[in-house]
C-alpha cells in the first residue's frame, strides 16, 4: 500500500536528562545518567530523540535489561540537528545510559518518542523476521547468485519510528561514495530519525533458525522527492566513516538508467513485511504505465513476477533492469503470495 509497513505505536513523551532518571558519580569523577523505559507487552522498543546535545567525549548507550542487545555508542557524530532515531531493541524495556567524563559539559538527552512494537513472529526476537509470505526467495538463493553486488546496496529503513520500507544506496556521476539512498516518497517522514539497516539477510537460501545479524546507520537529510513518480532521495548523516558507509558494511552503490528504453527483464531486491532480504524475478519486458493518480508513463509495470512477489515493507525497493541498473523504486501494486500474476508499479 501507500504507506510504510507499520510495526509499532508511537507514544509521544518528553523525558530528559535534566528532570528524569538518575545521575550517578563514577570512580573517575565522571557522571552516569541512567533511565529505564518500559512499555508493557511490547515485543520491541525503539526511541527517537530531539533537542539532544552530546558534547565530544560523551557517550549514549541503549540496551535491554539483560544487556544481551546493546546499541551504541552514540556520539555527537550520530546526531543531525539534535535528533536521533534508534534501532529496535527486543523486549518491552530499554535502559538508557549516558556517560559524561570528568570535566566535560553535561549536554542534554531528550526522548520525544517511544515506539511500542507489536509485530513479530513468536519464536524470533526481532519484529517481522520470518513473517513474509512463503513464496518469497531469500536473496542468497540460487535466484540471487548473479545479484550479490546489488544485494549489498539494498537496505531496510525505519521511517517515522514505526514503519518499515526498503531502499538502495545509489551511485552519483562523481562516483565519490556519497551515501545517497533512494526510496519511495510515500515512505517519507522526518529523515533525521530514520534508521538504515544493512546486510539483514540469510547467509544461504533457507530461512535461518535464529535472527541474522545486521549493521545500521542512523539519520539522514532530504535531498529530493516528488509525488509524480513517488521517489525520495536522502543522504545518510550518522555513523559514517570518511563521509561514506563504513567499509565493514561492504556497501555497493547501485548504478541507474534513466533512459526510457524498455527493460527486457527485471529483478527486485527488497524487505517484505520487514523481513530479511528477498529477491523477485521478472523474465518478461516491463510495460510503461501509471499508478493511482500519477501521470501517464510515470512508472514501470511488472505485469506478473515469475519468481517471488513484493509486500508491504518492500515499498521504495529498487527495480533493476537486465544491465543491473536501477530503473525505479516500488510505489505499490497487488502482487502477493498466491497472486504473483498481479502487477507491481515502480516510479
Protein backbone atom coordinates (compact mmCIF):
# COMPACT_ATOMS: atom_id res chain seq x y z
CA UNK A 1 0.00 0.00 0.00
CA UNK A 2 0.82 3.67 0.02
CA UNK A 3 2.41 3.80 3.44
CA UNK A 4 5.27 2.15 5.33
CA UNK A 5 4.54 -1.27 6.83
CA UNK A 6 3.58 -0.40 10.42
CA UNK A 7 5.16 -2.37 13.20
CA UNK A 8 4.51 -0.21 16.26
CA UNK A 9 2.62 2.54 18.05
CA UNK A 10 4.40 5.83 18.62
CA UNK A 11 3.98 7.26 22.12
CA UNK A 12 4.96 10.91 22.46
CA UNK A 13 6.99 11.68 25.57
CA UNK A 14 9.15 14.47 26.95
CA UNK A 15 11.65 12.78 29.21
CA UNK A 16 15.09 14.31 29.60
CA UNK A 17 18.38 14.06 31.45
CA UNK A 18 17.76 17.27 33.40
CA UNK A 19 14.48 16.22 35.02
CA UNK A 20 14.19 12.44 34.86
CA UNK A 21 16.25 9.35 35.54
CA UNK A 22 19.13 9.23 37.99
CA UNK A 23 22.66 10.64 37.92
CA UNK A 24 25.43 8.53 39.49
CA UNK A 25 29.04 9.65 40.02
CA UNK A 26 31.65 7.29 38.57
CA UNK A 27 35.01 6.30 40.08
CA UNK A 28 36.94 8.50 37.66
CA UNK A 29 34.97 11.63 38.63
CA UNK A 30 32.66 11.36 35.66
CA UNK A 31 28.89 11.12 35.79
CA UNK A 32 26.49 8.49 34.53
CA UNK A 33 22.82 9.15 33.75
CA UNK A 34 20.50 6.13 33.80
CA UNK A 35 16.88 5.94 32.71
CA UNK A 36 14.63 2.91 32.42
CA UNK A 37 11.86 2.98 29.79
CA UNK A 38 9.14 0.33 29.86
CA UNK A 39 6.09 -0.26 27.65
CA UNK A 40 4.43 -3.38 28.99
CA UNK A 41 3.90 -6.15 26.48
CA UNK A 42 5.94 -4.59 23.68
CA UNK A 43 7.79 -7.08 21.50
CA UNK A 44 10.36 -4.43 20.64
CA UNK A 45 11.05 -0.84 21.66
CA UNK A 46 12.77 1.87 19.69
CA UNK A 47 13.33 5.50 20.59
CA UNK A 48 13.55 8.92 18.98
CA UNK A 49 15.35 11.92 20.46
CA UNK A 50 15.20 15.65 19.80
CA UNK A 51 16.86 18.72 21.35
CA UNK A 52 19.69 16.34 22.19
CA UNK A 53 23.26 17.54 22.64
CA UNK A 54 26.11 15.06 23.15
CA UNK A 55 29.35 17.03 23.64
CA UNK A 56 32.53 15.47 22.29
CA UNK A 57 33.70 12.67 24.59
CA UNK A 58 30.23 11.92 25.98
CA UNK A 59 28.55 8.64 25.02
CA UNK A 60 24.97 7.34 24.92
CA UNK A 61 24.07 3.63 25.01
CA UNK A 62 20.71 1.86 24.81
CA UNK A 63 20.28 -1.76 25.91
CA UNK A 64 17.84 -4.33 27.21
CA UNK A 65 17.97 -5.22 30.94
CA UNK A 66 19.90 -8.44 30.22
CA UNK A 67 22.46 -6.44 28.20
CA UNK A 68 22.18 -9.09 25.50
CA UNK A 69 21.35 -6.37 22.96
CA UNK A 70 23.32 -3.12 23.11
CA UNK A 71 23.09 -0.11 20.80
CA UNK A 72 25.85 2.49 20.82
CA UNK A 73 27.97 4.21 21.48
CA UNK A 74 26.12 7.21 20.10
CA UNK A 75 28.18 10.41 19.94
CA UNK A 76 27.80 13.90 18.50
CA UNK A 77 28.53 12.37 15.07
CA UNK A 78 25.26 10.43 15.15
CA UNK A 79 23.04 13.46 15.72
CA UNK A 80 21.51 15.53 12.94
CA UNK A 81 20.08 18.87 14.08
CA UNK A 82 19.97 17.48 17.64
CA UNK A 83 17.88 14.47 16.53
CA UNK A 84 18.43 10.71 16.56
CA UNK A 85 16.35 7.58 15.95
CA UNK A 86 17.29 4.15 17.29
CA UNK A 87 17.19 0.58 16.02
CA UNK A 88 14.68 -1.84 17.53
CA UNK A 89 15.59 -3.35 20.91
CA UNK A 90 13.90 -6.70 21.66
CA UNK A 91 11.55 -6.78 24.67
CA UNK A 92 9.44 -4.20 26.47
CA UNK A 93 12.16 -2.44 28.42
CA UNK A 94 15.16 -0.29 27.46
CA UNK A 95 17.82 1.23 29.67
CA UNK A 96 19.45 4.48 28.56
CA UNK A 97 22.98 5.03 29.82
CA UNK A 98 24.68 8.35 29.17
CA UNK A 99 28.29 8.87 30.24
CA UNK A 100 29.87 12.27 30.87
CA UNK A 101 33.64 12.16 31.57
CA UNK A 102 35.13 14.34 34.31
CA UNK A 103 35.23 18.00 33.32
CA UNK A 104 33.06 17.56 30.24
CA UNK A 105 29.93 19.64 29.61
CA UNK A 106 26.81 17.69 30.53
CA UNK A 107 24.93 18.14 27.28
CA UNK A 108 21.29 17.10 27.13
CA UNK A 109 19.40 13.92 26.27
CA UNK A 110 15.73 14.35 25.41
CA UNK A 111 13.47 11.47 24.48
CA UNK A 112 10.44 12.51 22.40
CA UNK A 113 9.05 9.19 21.11
CA UNK A 114 8.86 5.64 22.43
CA UNK A 115 7.65 3.15 19.81
CA UNK A 116 5.83 0.10 21.18
CA UNK A 117 6.47 -2.69 18.67
CA UNK A 118 3.60 -5.12 18.26
CA UNK A 119 4.51 -7.28 15.25
CA UNK A 120 6.87 -10.21 15.39
CA UNK A 121 6.95 -13.97 14.98
CA UNK A 122 6.56 -15.76 18.28
CA UNK A 123 9.85 -17.61 18.20
CA UNK A 124 12.03 -14.77 16.96
CA UNK A 125 13.39 -11.71 18.67
CA UNK A 126 13.02 -9.05 16.06
CA UNK A 127 9.83 -7.92 14.52
CA UNK A 128 8.78 -9.47 11.30
CA UNK A 129 11.66 -11.87 10.95
CA UNK A 130 10.14 -14.82 9.11
CA UNK A 131 6.79 -13.08 8.69
CA UNK A 132 6.73 -12.50 4.94
CA UNK A 133 4.97 -14.97 2.67
CA UNK A 134 6.41 -18.41 1.92
CA UNK A 135 6.66 -17.67 -1.81
CA UNK A 136 9.47 -15.17 -1.22
CA UNK A 137 13.02 -16.19 -2.12
CA UNK A 138 15.91 -15.23 0.14
CA UNK A 139 18.40 -13.04 -1.66
CA UNK A 140 21.13 -15.70 -1.33
CA UNK A 141 19.04 -18.40 -3.01
CA UNK A 142 20.22 -19.51 -6.49
CA UNK A 143 17.90 -16.85 -7.94
CA UNK A 144 20.19 -14.22 -6.42
CA UNK A 145 23.54 -15.68 -7.46
CA UNK A 146 24.14 -13.04 -10.13
CA UNK A 147 22.99 -10.18 -7.87
CA UNK A 148 25.47 -10.31 -4.97
CA UNK A 149 26.85 -6.81 -5.50
CA UNK A 150 23.45 -5.19 -5.99
CA UNK A 151 22.21 -7.00 -2.88
CA UNK A 152 24.80 -5.18 -0.77
CA UNK A 153 23.29 -1.82 -1.69
CA UNK A 154 19.75 -2.67 -0.59
CA UNK A 155 18.67 -1.58 2.90
CA UNK A 156 15.65 -1.82 5.15
CA UNK A 157 14.71 1.51 6.67
CA UNK A 158 12.68 2.56 9.68
CA UNK A 159 10.54 5.61 8.89
CA UNK A 160 8.52 7.70 11.35
CA UNK A 161 9.87 5.40 14.10
CA UNK A 162 7.08 2.88 13.45
CA UNK A 163 7.19 1.72 9.82
CA UNK A 164 9.44 -0.34 7.57
CA UNK A 165 10.29 0.49 3.96
CA UNK A 166 13.11 -0.60 1.65
CA UNK A 167 15.68 1.42 -0.27
CA UNK A 168 19.03 1.30 -2.02
CA UNK A 169 22.34 3.05 -1.93
CA UNK A 170 22.61 4.79 -5.30
CA UNK A 171 25.72 5.99 -7.10
CA UNK A 172 26.25 9.50 -8.42
CA UNK A 173 28.13 10.65 -11.51
CA UNK A 174 31.17 11.63 -9.43
CA UNK A 175 31.49 8.07 -8.08
CA UNK A 176 32.51 9.60 -4.75
CA UNK A 177 30.68 7.35 -2.28
CA UNK A 178 28.20 9.98 -1.10
CA UNK A 179 25.72 7.91 0.95
CA UNK A 180 22.59 8.62 -1.07
CA UNK A 181 19.64 6.29 -0.53
CA UNK A 182 16.75 6.03 -2.99
CA UNK A 183 13.36 5.06 -1.54
CA UNK A 184 9.67 5.86 -2.06
CA UNK A 185 8.17 9.28 -1.42
CA UNK A 186 5.24 7.66 0.39
CA UNK A 187 7.78 6.39 2.94
CA UNK A 188 8.83 9.98 3.69
CA UNK A 189 8.85 11.31 7.25
CA UNK A 190 11.45 13.36 9.11
CA UNK A 191 14.64 11.62 7.88
CA UNK A 192 16.70 12.83 10.85
CA UNK A 193 15.43 9.86 12.87
CA UNK A 194 15.42 7.24 10.11
CA UNK A 195 17.42 4.06 10.64
CA UNK A 196 19.10 2.23 7.74
CA UNK A 197 19.66 -1.50 8.25
CA UNK A 198 22.33 -3.14 6.07
CA UNK A 199 23.07 -6.80 5.31
CA UNK A 200 19.99 -8.15 7.03
CA UNK A 201 19.70 -11.41 5.15
CA UNK A 202 20.05 -15.16 5.35
CA UNK A 203 23.56 -16.43 4.60
CA UNK A 204 22.04 -19.16 2.44
CA UNK A 205 18.77 -19.94 0.70
CA UNK A 206 16.84 -21.29 3.68
CA UNK A 207 15.46 -19.09 6.43
CA UNK A 208 17.95 -19.23 9.32
CA UNK A 209 16.82 -20.70 12.62
CA UNK A 210 17.72 -17.53 14.50
CA UNK A 211 17.81 -13.84 13.76
CA UNK A 212 20.73 -12.99 11.45
CA UNK A 213 23.00 -10.13 12.46
CA UNK A 214 22.93 -6.76 10.70
CA UNK A 215 24.55 -3.33 10.76
CA UNK A 216 22.82 0.03 10.97
CA UNK A 217 23.35 3.71 10.32
CA UNK A 218 21.18 6.47 11.80
CA UNK A 219 19.81 9.70 10.40
CA UNK A 220 19.61 11.37 7.00
CA UNK A 221 18.85 14.63 5.25
CA UNK A 222 16.35 15.03 2.42
CA UNK A 223 17.91 15.76 -0.99
CA UNK A 224 14.92 15.47 -3.35
CA UNK A 225 11.45 13.95 -3.58
CA UNK A 226 8.39 14.04 -5.83
CA UNK A 227 4.93 12.55 -5.85
CA UNK A 228 4.61 12.06 -9.64
CA UNK A 229 6.97 9.09 -9.66
CA UNK A 230 6.90 8.55 -5.87
CA UNK A 231 10.65 8.88 -5.39
CA UNK A 232 12.59 10.12 -2.40
CA UNK A 233 16.36 10.65 -2.24
CA UNK A 234 18.07 11.14 1.12
CA UNK A 235 21.69 11.29 2.25
CA UNK A 236 22.72 9.34 5.34
CA UNK A 237 24.32 11.57 8.00
CA UNK A 238 25.07 9.41 11.06
CA UNK A 239 27.74 6.79 11.75
CA UNK A 240 29.68 7.45 8.54
CA UNK A 241 33.40 6.83 8.16
CA UNK A 242 35.26 9.25 5.92
CA UNK A 243 31.93 10.66 4.77
CA UNK A 244 30.62 7.34 3.47
CA UNK A 245 29.18 3.99 4.57
CA UNK A 246 31.76 2.07 6.65
CA UNK A 247 33.77 -0.42 4.58
CA UNK A 248 32.85 -3.16 7.08
CA UNK A 249 29.30 -3.00 5.71
CA UNK A 250 30.64 -3.98 2.22
CA UNK A 251 28.38 -1.32 0.69
CA UNK A 252 27.63 -1.24 -3.03
CA UNK A 253 26.41 1.92 -4.71
CA UNK A 254 23.96 0.71 -7.31
CA UNK A 255 24.00 2.25 -10.77
CA UNK A 256 20.95 3.62 -12.54
CA UNK A 257 19.48 4.09 -16.00
CA UNK A 258 17.04 6.94 -16.62
CA UNK A 259 16.59 6.37 -20.34
CA UNK A 260 13.18 5.23 -21.47
CA UNK A 261 14.44 2.03 -23.07
CA UNK A 262 12.01 -0.75 -22.20
CA UNK A 263 13.79 -3.29 -19.99
CA UNK A 264 13.68 -6.85 -21.34
CA UNK A 265 13.60 -8.33 -17.82
CA UNK A 266 13.85 -7.10 -14.24
CA UNK A 267 14.79 -8.00 -10.68
CA UNK A 268 13.59 -6.56 -7.37
CA UNK A 269 15.55 -6.84 -4.10
CA UNK A 270 13.56 -5.85 -1.03
CA UNK A 271 12.50 -6.41 2.60
CA UNK A 272 8.84 -7.56 2.51
CA UNK A 273 6.86 -7.08 5.73
CA UNK A 274 10.07 -6.07 7.49
CA UNK A 275 11.58 -9.49 6.85
CA UNK A 276 15.13 -10.41 5.82
CA UNK A 277 16.17 -9.53 2.27
CA UNK A 278 14.35 -11.23 -0.62
CA UNK A 279 14.67 -11.30 -4.42
CA UNK A 280 11.94 -11.30 -7.09
CA UNK A 281 12.45 -12.05 -10.79
CA UNK A 282 10.52 -10.94 -13.89
CA UNK A 283 11.66 -12.61 -17.12
CA UNK A 284 9.43 -10.56 -19.42
CA UNK A 285 9.70 -6.98 -20.69
CA UNK A 286 8.23 -4.26 -18.48
CA UNK A 287 5.37 -2.00 -19.52
CA UNK A 288 5.26 1.78 -19.30
CA UNK A 289 2.28 2.64 -17.12
CA UNK A 290 0.92 4.77 -14.27
CA UNK A 291 -0.17 4.14 -10.69
CA UNK A 292 -3.05 5.72 -8.79
CA UNK A 293 -3.31 9.42 -9.63
CA UNK A 294 0.22 9.69 -11.07
CA UNK A 295 0.86 10.99 -14.61
CA UNK A 296 0.77 8.58 -17.58
CA UNK A 297 4.02 6.74 -18.37
CA UNK A 298 5.50 7.72 -14.99
CA UNK A 299 6.01 4.13 -13.83
CA UNK A 300 7.40 0.81 -14.98
CA UNK A 301 4.96 -2.05 -14.54
CA UNK A 302 5.87 -5.62 -13.67
CA UNK A 303 2.90 -7.46 -15.13
CA UNK A 304 3.49 -10.66 -13.17
CA UNK A 305 6.52 -11.89 -11.25
CA UNK A 306 7.99 -15.20 -12.45
CA UNK A 307 9.59 -15.84 -9.06
CA UNK A 308 8.77 -14.13 -5.77
CA UNK A 309 6.45 -11.16 -5.13
CA UNK A 310 6.52 -7.90 -3.15
CA UNK A 311 4.64 -7.00 0.03
CA UNK A 312 4.18 -4.10 2.40
CA UNK A 313 7.66 -3.10 3.57
CA UNK A 314 9.01 -3.63 0.03
CA UNK A 315 7.98 -0.03 -0.77
CA UNK A 316 10.91 2.03 -2.03
CA UNK A 317 12.95 -1.02 -3.01
CA UNK A 318 14.92 -0.85 -6.26
CA UNK A 319 13.90 -2.45 -9.55
CA UNK A 320 16.90 -3.42 -11.69
CA UNK A 321 16.97 -3.91 -15.46
CA UNK A 322 18.84 -6.64 -17.32
CA UNK A 323 22.00 -4.50 -17.08
CA UNK A 324 21.80 -4.49 -13.26
CA UNK A 325 20.93 -0.79 -13.09
CA UNK A 326 18.15 0.78 -11.02
CA UNK A 327 15.23 1.86 -13.19
CA UNK A 328 12.72 2.64 -10.45
CA UNK A 329 11.61 2.20 -6.86
CA UNK A 330 8.50 0.36 -5.69
CA UNK A 331 5.40 2.54 -5.40
CA UNK A 332 2.74 -0.11 -4.97
CA UNK A 333 0.85 -2.95 -6.53
CA UNK A 334 -1.22 -6.01 -5.92
CA UNK A 335 1.26 -8.88 -6.11
CA UNK A 336 1.28 -11.24 -3.13
CA UNK A 337 1.81 -14.89 -2.36
CA UNK A 338 -0.92 -16.68 -4.30
CA UNK A 339 -1.22 -13.65 -6.56
CA UNK A 340 2.18 -13.38 -8.26
CA UNK A 341 0.39 -12.73 -11.55
CA UNK A 342 -0.89 -9.36 -10.30
CA UNK A 343 1.11 -6.28 -11.20
CA UNK A 344 3.52 -4.05 -9.28
CA UNK A 345 4.39 -0.49 -10.26
CA UNK A 346 7.76 1.24 -9.85
CA UNK A 347 8.25 5.01 -10.16
